[in-house]
Amino acid sequence: MTVNRAQYELKAGSRMDYGVAYDKWLIDGDTVLSSTWSVPAGLLQVSSDINTTPLSRFGRICPPSTVTTVVLQGGTVGNFYSVINTITTANNLIELVRLRIMCVEP
C-alpha cells in the first residue's frame, strides 16, 4: 500500500531536500536498510540518503536509520509531481510513501 503524505512546494530554480521519518512506523529495533526514490520526468534527483546518526527532524529526535531524504531540483511552475520513496527494513518489511511536489514561482 502506498501512503500519501502532505503536499510540498519546490520553487523553480531551487534545490531542496525532502524527508520521510519512519521511526513511528517501524517496530522497535527495526531500521531502514535500503531506500529508493522514484522521481518523474521533469524533476532531477540530486542525491538521497538514510540518516546514520540521530537526527532532529519533525520536532523530535529520530534514531539512526529511520529517516530517508532526497534532494530535488527542476520542475515546471504549476506542475505537480508524485515522488515515491520505497524502503526495505532490516526485518524485510517494504513500505512506499508518496510525496506530492508542486513547482511554484520563486
Protein backbone atom coordinates (compact mmCIF):
# COMPACT_ATOMS: atom_id res chain seq x y z
CA MET A 1 0.00 0.00 0.00
CA THR A 2 1.30 3.45 -0.85
CA VAL A 3 0.80 6.04 1.86
CA ASN A 4 0.18 9.60 0.69
CA ARG A 5 1.88 12.35 2.61
CA ALA A 6 1.33 16.09 2.57
CA GLN A 7 1.93 18.29 -0.43
CA TYR A 8 5.23 20.17 -0.59
CA GLU A 9 6.47 23.04 -2.72
CA LEU A 10 9.61 23.33 -4.80
CA LYS A 11 10.45 26.81 -6.02
CA ALA A 12 11.53 26.91 -9.66
CA GLY A 13 15.33 27.09 -9.81
CA SER A 14 15.73 25.83 -6.23
CA ARG A 15 17.41 22.70 -4.93
CA MET A 16 15.59 21.37 -1.85
CA ASP A 17 15.63 18.33 0.41
CA TYR A 18 12.54 16.37 1.44
CA GLY A 19 12.40 13.66 4.07
CA VAL A 20 10.27 10.86 5.42
CA ALA A 21 10.60 9.82 9.08
CA TYR A 22 9.75 6.14 9.57
CA ASP A 23 10.59 5.91 13.28
CA LYS A 24 6.93 5.94 14.38
CA TRP A 25 6.04 3.24 11.81
CA LEU A 26 8.96 0.89 12.49
CA ILE A 27 8.71 -1.85 15.12
CA ASP A 28 11.17 -1.29 17.99
CA GLY A 29 14.67 -2.20 16.85
CA ASP A 30 13.84 -2.28 13.13
CA THR A 31 15.67 0.10 10.82
CA VAL A 32 15.62 1.24 7.19
CA LEU A 33 18.05 -0.97 5.31
CA SER A 34 17.53 0.43 1.80
CA SER A 35 15.72 3.38 0.25
CA THR A 36 14.98 4.17 -3.38
CA TRP A 37 13.18 7.17 -4.82
CA SER A 38 11.05 7.13 -7.97
CA VAL A 39 11.29 10.62 -9.44
CA PRO A 40 9.22 11.51 -12.52
CA ALA A 41 10.47 13.21 -15.66
CA GLY A 42 10.76 16.95 -15.13
CA LEU A 43 12.42 16.65 -11.72
CA LEU A 44 16.05 15.78 -11.08
CA GLN A 45 17.14 13.67 -8.11
CA VAL A 46 20.41 15.24 -6.98
CA SER A 47 21.05 12.84 -4.09
CA SER A 48 19.37 10.64 -1.48
CA ASP A 49 20.34 9.33 1.94
CA ILE A 50 19.38 7.41 5.08
CA ASN A 51 20.37 9.07 8.36
CA THR A 52 23.35 7.36 10.05
CA THR A 53 23.21 9.37 13.28
CA PRO A 54 20.31 10.60 15.44
CA LEU A 55 18.52 13.38 13.59
CA SER A 56 16.38 16.21 14.89
CA ARG A 57 13.53 16.29 12.42
CA PHE A 58 9.82 16.99 12.57
CA GLY A 59 10.13 18.29 16.15
CA ARG A 60 11.67 15.13 17.59
CA ILE A 61 14.89 13.12 17.66
CA CYS A 62 14.78 10.27 15.14
CA PRO A 63 17.13 7.31 15.76
CA PRO A 64 19.76 6.32 13.17
CA SER A 65 18.49 4.58 10.01
CA THR A 66 14.89 5.79 10.40
CA VAL A 67 14.77 8.88 8.13
CA THR A 68 15.19 8.95 4.35
CA THR A 69 15.88 12.11 2.39
CA VAL A 70 16.00 13.11 -1.25
CA VAL A 71 17.33 16.32 -2.81
CA LEU A 72 15.33 17.50 -5.82
CA GLN A 73 15.60 20.30 -8.35
CA GLY A 74 13.88 21.28 -11.57
CA GLY A 75 10.21 21.21 -12.37
CA THR A 76 7.83 23.41 -14.34
CA VAL A 77 5.88 26.10 -12.50
CA GLY A 78 2.31 24.96 -11.89
CA ASN A 79 3.04 21.25 -12.34
CA PHE A 80 2.52 18.61 -9.65
CA TYR A 81 4.95 15.71 -9.33
CA SER A 82 4.45 12.42 -7.49
CA VAL A 83 7.69 11.23 -5.88
CA ILE A 84 7.64 7.77 -4.27
CA ASN A 85 10.04 6.52 -1.59
CA THR A 86 10.29 2.72 -1.32
CA ILE A 87 12.07 1.35 1.73
CA THR A 88 13.03 -2.13 2.85
CA THR A 89 13.66 -2.63 6.56
CA ALA A 90 16.10 -4.91 8.37
CA ASN A 91 13.07 -7.13 9.16
CA ASN A 92 12.37 -7.35 5.40
CA LEU A 93 9.25 -5.16 5.51
CA ILE A 94 8.56 -2.94 2.49
CA GLU A 95 6.77 0.41 2.61
CA LEU A 96 6.02 3.01 -0.07
CA VAL A 97 5.37 6.68 0.68
CA ARG A 98 4.26 9.21 -1.93
CA LEU A 99 5.22 12.88 -1.67
CA ARG A 100 3.32 15.35 -3.85
CA ILE A 101 5.58 18.17 -5.02
CA MET A 102 4.20 21.34 -6.63
CA CYS A 103 6.60 23.57 -8.55
CA VAL A 104 5.94 27.24 -7.74
CA GLU A 105 7.31 30.66 -8.69
CA PRO A 106 10.39 31.70 -6.68
